[in-house]
Amino acid sequence: MKYLIVGLGNKGSEYENTRHNIGFKVVEKIAETLEVPFNTSNFGWLADGKYKGRRVLLLKPDTYMNLSGNAVRYWMQKENIPLENVLIVTDDLALPFGTLRLKGKGSDAGHNGLKNIIEVLQTQNYARLRFGISAEFSEGKQVDYVLGTWNESEAEKLPERIEKFSKACLSFVFAGLNNTMSAFNGK
């Protein structure tokens, strides 16, 4: 069985440690755990590994957030990966910092990366793992906030949260969506 785990983010060093790039950080942690490197490939950086006998493709799209759907569709088609074996890891303003929420389907909730994936795949029925980044910004400052770096308190807690999220992703691969939701949601 093959799985595609896509961490959403933006390419470029100026975005590397921003809230919006948490998806990249989570898939980087998974690659570290599986001891596989990322290599430049079509539509981004790809790491190809194994977890408990299952093939796991980890993708960091280089399309910028708002065009992530093109990268997802390309790798699903190229590797013949069914939609139920795709997991998108993204940031979420509506959740408190570090909150984990896994869902099997849903709206884009105002997230442009998810919106583009829905448009390109023509469905909302794909798994997404949302990383809460909270909404600690004043009116009109949302873009600055999501493209801003973590505050000191968040940065201190970040490694543990990234570890938890990477474990949830690997649970999705081995235990499936429903078992992983039961084990990890809200934790």
C-alpha atoms as a PDB file:
ATOM      1  CA  MET A   1       0.000   0.000   0.000  1.00  0.00           C
ATOM      2  CA  LYS A   2       1.125   3.528  -0.793  1.00  0.00           C
ATOM      3  CA  TYR A   3       0.422   6.708   1.137  1.00  0.00           C
ATOM      4  CA  LEU A   4       0.991  10.363   0.324  1.00  0.00           C
ATOM      5  CA  ILE A   5       1.514  12.780   3.206  1.00  0.00           C
ATOM      6  CA  VAL A   6       1.675  16.383   2.059  1.00  0.00           C
ATOM      7  CA  GLY A   7       2.922  19.126   4.350  1.00  0.00           C
ATOM      8  CA  LEU A   8       1.680  22.522   3.233  1.00  0.00           C
ATOM      9  CA  GLY A   9       4.002  25.495   3.285  1.00  0.00           C
ATOM     10  CA  ASN A  10       5.800  28.030   1.143  1.00  0.00           C
ATOM     11  CA  LYS A  11       9.204  27.603  -0.478  1.00  0.00           C
ATOM     12  CA  GLY A  12      11.989  30.001   0.351  1.00  0.00           C
ATOM     13  CA  SER A  13      14.154  30.701   3.382  1.00  0.00           C
ATOM     14  CA  GLU A  14      12.048  33.738   4.331  1.00  0.00           C
ATOM     15  CA  TYR A  15       9.119  31.379   5.073  1.00  0.00           C
ATOM     16  CA  GLU A  16      11.057  28.535   6.677  1.00  0.00           C
ATOM     17  CA  ASN A  17      10.135  29.166  10.330  1.00  0.00           C
ATOM     18  CA  THR A  18       6.728  30.754   9.855  1.00  0.00           C
ATOM     19  CA  ARG A  19       3.435  29.488  11.221  1.00  0.00           C
ATOM     20  CA  HIS A  20       2.180  28.841   7.682  1.00  0.00           C
ATOM     21  CA  ASN A  21       5.022  26.347   7.126  1.00  0.00           C
ATOM     22  CA  ILE A  22       4.162  23.987   9.951  1.00  0.00           C
ATOM     23  CA  GLY A  23       3.137  21.345   7.405  1.00  0.00           C
ATOM     24  CA  PHE A  24       6.698  21.312   6.057  1.00  0.00           C
ATOM     25  CA  LYS A  25       8.075  20.923   9.596  1.00  0.00           C
ATOM     26  CA  VAL A  26       5.838  17.927  10.330  1.00  0.00           C
ATOM     27  CA  VAL A  27       6.767  16.015   7.159  1.00  0.00           C
ATOM     28  CA  GLU A  28      10.436  16.845   7.773  1.00  0.00           C
ATOM     29  CA  LYS A  29      10.113  15.189  11.195  1.00  0.00           C
ATOM     30  CA  ILE A  30       8.513  12.112   9.614  1.00  0.00           C
ATOM     31  CA  ALA A  31      11.363  11.906   7.080  1.00  0.00           C
ATOM     32  CA  GLU A  32      13.849  12.122   9.952  1.00  0.00           C
ATOM     33  CA  THR A  33      12.017   9.324  11.786  1.00  0.00           C
ATOM     34  CA  LEU A  34      11.964   7.123   8.661  1.00  0.00           C
ATOM     35  CA  GLU A  35      15.585   8.108   7.905  1.00  0.00           C
ATOM     36  CA  VAL A  36      14.839   9.191   4.335  1.00  0.00           C
ATOM     37  CA  PRO A  37      16.084  12.345   2.597  1.00  0.00           C
ATOM     38  CA  PHE A  38      14.071  14.870   0.620  1.00  0.00           C
ATOM     39  CA  ASN A  39      15.071  15.210  -3.006  1.00  0.00           C
ATOM     40  CA  THR A  40      14.044  17.821  -5.534  1.00  0.00           C
ATOM     41  CA  SER A  41      11.346  16.395  -7.761  1.00  0.00           C
ATOM     42  CA  ASN A  42       8.326  17.442  -9.780  1.00  0.00           C
ATOM     43  CA  PHE A  43       6.210  19.991  -7.906  1.00  0.00           C
ATOM     44  CA  GLY A  44       8.429  20.025  -4.825  1.00  0.00           C
ATOM     45  CA  TRP A  45      10.636  17.980  -2.561  1.00  0.00           C
ATOM     46  CA  LEU A  46       9.854  14.314  -2.102  1.00  0.00           C
ATOM     47  CA  ALA A  47      11.006  11.744   0.440  1.00  0.00           C
ATOM     48  CA  ASP A  48      10.169   8.098  -0.195  1.00  0.00           C
ATOM     49  CA  GLY A  49      10.188   5.725   2.759  1.00  0.00           C
ATOM     50  CA  LYS A  50       8.665   2.675   4.387  1.00  0.00           C
ATOM     51  CA  TYR A  51       6.677   2.409   7.585  1.00  0.00           C
ATOM     52  CA  LYS A  52       5.566  -0.996   8.876  1.00  0.00           C
ATOM     53  CA  GLY A  53       5.605  -2.434   5.368  1.00  0.00           C
ATOM     54  CA  ARG A  54       3.778   0.462   3.767  1.00  0.00           C
ATOM     55  CA  ARG A  55       5.327   2.879   1.282  1.00  0.00           C
ATOM     56  CA  VAL A  56       5.087   6.488   2.431  1.00  0.00           C
ATOM     57  CA  LEU A  57       5.704   9.425   0.103  1.00  0.00           C
ATOM     58  CA  LEU A  58       6.308  12.709   1.906  1.00  0.00           C
ATOM     59  CA  LEU A  59       5.820  15.862  -0.134  1.00  0.00           C
ATOM     60  CA  LYS A  60       6.672  19.495   0.437  1.00  0.00           C
ATOM     61  CA  PRO A  61       5.132  21.276  -2.581  1.00  0.00           C
ATOM     62  CA  ASP A  62       7.163  24.063  -4.164  1.00  0.00           C
ATOM     63  CA  THR A  63       4.070  25.605  -5.732  1.00  0.00           C
ATOM     64  CA  TYR A  64       3.434  28.065  -2.893  1.00  0.00           C
ATOM     65  CA  MET A  65       0.481  27.488  -0.617  1.00  0.00           C
ATOM     66  CA  ASN A  66      -2.257  28.740  -2.946  1.00  0.00           C
ATOM     67  CA  LEU A  67      -1.413  26.239  -5.714  1.00  0.00           C
ATOM     68  CA  SER A  68      -0.823  23.126  -3.592  1.00  0.00           C
ATOM     69  CA  GLY A  69      -3.530  21.145  -5.380  1.00  0.00           C
ATOM     70  CA  ASN A  70      -1.403  20.762  -8.520  1.00  0.00           C
ATOM     71  CA  ALA A  71       1.345  18.991  -6.574  1.00  0.00           C
ATOM     72  CA  VAL A  72      -1.128  16.753  -4.720  1.00  0.00           C
ATOM     73  CA  ARG A  73      -2.896  15.705  -7.929  1.00  0.00           C
ATOM     74  CA  TYR A  74       0.395  15.087  -9.767  1.00  0.00           C
ATOM     75  CA  TRP A  75       1.771  12.697  -7.148  1.00  0.00           C
ATOM     76  CA  MET A  76      -1.551  10.940  -6.607  1.00  0.00           C
ATOM     77  CA  GLN A  77      -1.748  10.232 -10.342  1.00  0.00           C
ATOM     78  CA  LYS A  78       1.938   9.430 -10.860  1.00  0.00           C
ATOM     79  CA  GLU A  79       2.031   6.944  -7.985  1.00  0.00           C
ATOM     80  CA  ASN A  80      -1.589   5.754  -8.336  1.00  0.00           C
ATOM     81  CA  ILE A  81      -2.395   6.661  -4.723  1.00  0.00           C
ATOM     82  CA  PRO A  82      -6.104   6.543  -3.822  1.00  0.00           C
ATOM     83  CA  LEU A  83      -7.657   9.580  -2.162  1.00  0.00           C
ATOM     84  CA  GLU A  84      -8.250   7.663   1.079  1.00  0.00           C
ATOM     85  CA  ASN A  85      -4.462   7.223   1.398  1.00  0.00           C
ATOM     86  CA  VAL A  86      -3.720  10.947   1.157  1.00  0.00           C
ATOM     87  CA  LEU A  87      -3.156  13.124   4.230  1.00  0.00           C
ATOM     88  CA  ILE A  88      -2.680  16.903   4.089  1.00  0.00           C
ATOM     89  CA  VAL A  89      -0.917  18.575   7.041  1.00  0.00           C
ATOM     90  CA  THR A  90      -1.704  22.259   7.465  1.00  0.00           C
ATOM     91  CA  ASP A  91      -1.928  25.179   9.876  1.00  0.00           C
ATOM     92  CA  ASP A  92      -5.273  26.313  11.331  1.00  0.00           C
ATOM     93  CA  LEU A  93      -6.059  29.734  12.792  1.00  0.00           C
ATOM     94  CA  ALA A  94      -9.302  28.511  14.401  1.00  0.00           C
ATOM     95  CA  LEU A  95      -7.534  26.132  16.787  1.00  0.00           C
ATOM     96  CA  PRO A  96      -5.477  27.057  19.866  1.00  0.00           C
ATOM     97  CA  PHE A  97      -1.714  26.707  19.447  1.00  0.00           C
ATOM     98  CA  GLY A  98      -0.571  23.109  19.095  1.00  0.00           C
ATOM     99  CA  THR A  99      -4.063  21.603  18.996  1.00  0.00           C
ATOM    100  CA  LEU A 100      -4.289  18.563  16.754  1.00  0.00           C
ATOM    101  CA  ARG A 101      -7.422  17.937  14.701  1.00  0.00           C
ATOM    102  CA  LEU A 102      -7.671  15.154  12.134  1.00  0.00           C
ATOM    103  CA  LYS A 103     -10.725  14.974   9.877  1.00  0.00           C
ATOM    104  CA  GLY A 104     -11.633  12.810   6.900  1.00  0.00           C
ATOM    105  CA  LYS A 105     -13.344  15.597   4.991  1.00  0.00           C
ATOM    106  CA  GLY A 106     -14.519  19.160   5.328  1.00  0.00           C
ATOM    107  CA  SER A 107     -14.420  22.666   3.982  1.00  0.00           C
ATOM    108  CA  ASP A 108     -11.314  24.746   3.398  1.00  0.00           C
ATOM    109  CA  ALA A 109     -12.217  26.892   6.464  1.00  0.00           C
ATOM    110  CA  GLY A 110     -10.706  29.893   4.699  1.00  0.00           C
ATOM    111  CA  HIS A 111      -7.322  28.215   4.118  1.00  0.00           C
ATOM    112  CA  ASN A 112      -6.119  28.944   0.586  1.00  0.00           C
ATOM    113  CA  GLY A 113      -3.995  25.788   0.334  1.00  0.00           C
ATOM    114  CA  LEU A 114      -6.947  23.560   1.221  1.00  0.00           C
ATOM    115  CA  LYS A 115      -9.201  25.617  -1.047  1.00  0.00           C
ATOM    116  CA  ASN A 116      -6.916  24.963  -4.018  1.00  0.00           C
ATOM    117  CA  ILE A 117      -6.676  21.237  -3.231  1.00  0.00           C
ATOM    118  CA  ILE A 118     -10.494  21.050  -3.156  1.00  0.00           C
ATOM    119  CA  GLU A 119     -10.686  22.899  -6.489  1.00  0.00           C
ATOM    120  CA  VAL A 120      -8.083  20.728  -8.205  1.00  0.00           C
ATOM    121  CA  LEU A 121      -9.264  17.367  -6.811  1.00  0.00           C
ATOM    122  CA  GLN A 122     -12.927  18.427  -7.082  1.00  0.00           C
ATOM    123  CA  THR A 123     -13.739  16.974  -3.690  1.00  0.00           C
ATOM    124  CA  GLN A 124     -13.626  17.877   0.000  1.00  0.00           C
ATOM    125  CA  ASN A 125     -13.330  14.215   0.947  1.00  0.00           C
ATOM    126  CA  TYR A 126      -9.669  13.885   1.818  1.00  0.00           C
ATOM    127  CA  ALA A 127      -7.977  13.589   5.199  1.00  0.00           C
ATOM    128  CA  ARG A 128      -6.431  16.695   6.693  1.00  0.00           C
ATOM    129  CA  LEU A 129      -4.455  17.098   9.875  1.00  0.00           C
ATOM    130  CA  ARG A 130      -4.750  20.630  11.212  1.00  0.00           C
ATOM    131  CA  PHE A 131      -2.126  22.161  13.474  1.00  0.00           C
ATOM    132  CA  GLY A 132      -3.573  24.926  15.639  1.00  0.00           C
ATOM    133  CA  ILE A 133      -1.657  28.194  15.366  1.00  0.00           C
ATOM    134  CA  SER A 134      -4.327  30.269  17.212  1.00  0.00           C
ATOM    135  CA  ALA A 135      -5.442  33.705  16.045  1.00  0.00           C
ATOM    136  CA  GLU A 136      -3.428  36.139  18.137  1.00  0.00           C
ATOM    137  CA  PHE A 137      -3.465  39.046  15.708  1.00  0.00           C
ATOM    138  CA  SER A 138      -5.277  42.357  15.389  1.00  0.00           C
ATOM    139  CA  GLU A 139      -7.767  43.125  12.638  1.00  0.00           C
ATOM    140  CA  GLY A 140      -6.210  43.224   9.197  1.00  0.00           C
ATOM    141  CA  LYS A 141      -2.993  41.516  10.334  1.00  0.00           C
ATOM    142  CA  GLN A 142      -3.812  37.878   9.488  1.00  0.00           C
ATOM    143  CA  VAL A 143      -1.285  37.618   6.650  1.00  0.00           C
ATOM    144  CA  ASP A 144       1.481  39.082   8.818  1.00  0.00           C
ATOM    145  CA  TYR A 145       0.560  36.636  11.575  1.00  0.00           C
ATOM    146  CA  VAL A 146       0.540  33.416   9.523  1.00  0.00           C
ATOM    147  CA  LEU A 147       3.718  34.474   7.705  1.00  0.00           C
ATOM    148  CA  GLY A 148       5.297  35.502  11.006  1.00  0.00           C
ATOM    149  CA  THR A 149       7.605  33.425  13.168  1.00  0.00           C
ATOM    150  CA  TRP A 150       6.631  31.651  16.373  1.00  0.00           C
ATOM    151  CA  ASN A 151       6.719  33.590  19.618  1.00  0.00           C
ATOM    152  CA  GLU A 152       9.068  32.446  22.393  1.00  0.00           C
ATOM    153  CA  SER A 153       6.466  30.369  24.238  1.00  0.00           C
ATOM    154  CA  GLU A 154       5.329  28.643  21.029  1.00  0.00           C
ATOM    155  CA  ALA A 155       8.892  28.013  19.858  1.00  0.00           C
ATOM    156  CA  GLU A 156       9.641  26.296  23.176  1.00  0.00           C
ATOM    157  CA  LYS A 157       6.682  23.912  22.807  1.00  0.00           C
ATOM    158  CA  LEU A 158       7.032  23.376  19.070  1.00  0.00           C
ATOM    159  CA  PRO A 159       9.375  20.326  19.028  1.00  0.00           C
ATOM    160  CA  GLU A 160       7.017  18.284  21.230  1.00  0.00           C
ATOM    161  CA  ARG A 161       3.992  19.271  19.123  1.00  0.00           C
ATOM    162  CA  ILE A 162       5.758  18.447  15.850  1.00  0.00           C
ATOM    163  CA  GLU A 163       6.705  15.046  17.303  1.00  0.00           C
ATOM    164  CA  LYS A 164       3.064  14.397  18.275  1.00  0.00           C
ATOM    165  CA  PHE A 165       1.851  15.379  14.799  1.00  0.00           C
ATOM    166  CA  SER A 166       4.412  13.174  13.060  1.00  0.00           C
ATOM    167  CA  LYS A 167       3.243  10.228  15.195  1.00  0.00           C
ATOM    168  CA  ALA A 168      -0.369  10.978  14.221  1.00  0.00           C
ATOM    169  CA  CYS A 169       0.622  10.917  10.537  1.00  0.00           C
ATOM    170  CA  LEU A 170       2.323   7.554  10.904  1.00  0.00           C
ATOM    171  CA  SER A 171      -0.695   6.265  12.829  1.00  0.00           C
ATOM    172  CA  PHE A 172      -2.862   7.305   9.861  1.00  0.00           C
ATOM    173  CA  VAL A 173      -0.647   5.138   7.634  1.00  0.00           C
ATOM    174  CA  PHE A 174      -0.740   2.079   9.892  1.00  0.00           C
ATOM    175  CA  ALA A 175      -3.964   2.302  11.940  1.00  0.00           C
ATOM    176  CA  GLY A 176      -6.214   4.244   9.556  1.00  0.00           C
ATOM    177  CA  LEU A 177      -8.204   7.447   9.799  1.00  0.00           C
ATOM    178  CA  ASN A 178     -10.811   6.530  12.421  1.00  0.00           C
ATOM    179  CA  ASN A 179      -8.395   4.883  14.867  1.00  0.00           C
ATOM    180  CA  THR A 180      -6.006   7.827  14.525  1.00  0.00           C
ATOM    181  CA  MET A 181      -8.783  10.357  15.106  1.00  0.00           C
ATOM    182  CA  SER A 182      -9.782   8.504  18.288  1.00  0.00           C
ATOM    183  CA  ALA A 183      -6.219   8.296  19.538  1.00  0.00           C
ATOM    184  CA  PHE A 184      -4.979  11.789  18.706  1.00  0.00           C
ATOM    185  CA  ASN A 185      -7.734  14.402  18.214  1.00  0.00           C
ATOM    186  CA  GLY A 186      -7.626  17.196  20.753  1.00  0.00           C
ATOM    187  CA  LYS A 187      -4.374  15.977  22.241  1.00  0.00           C
END
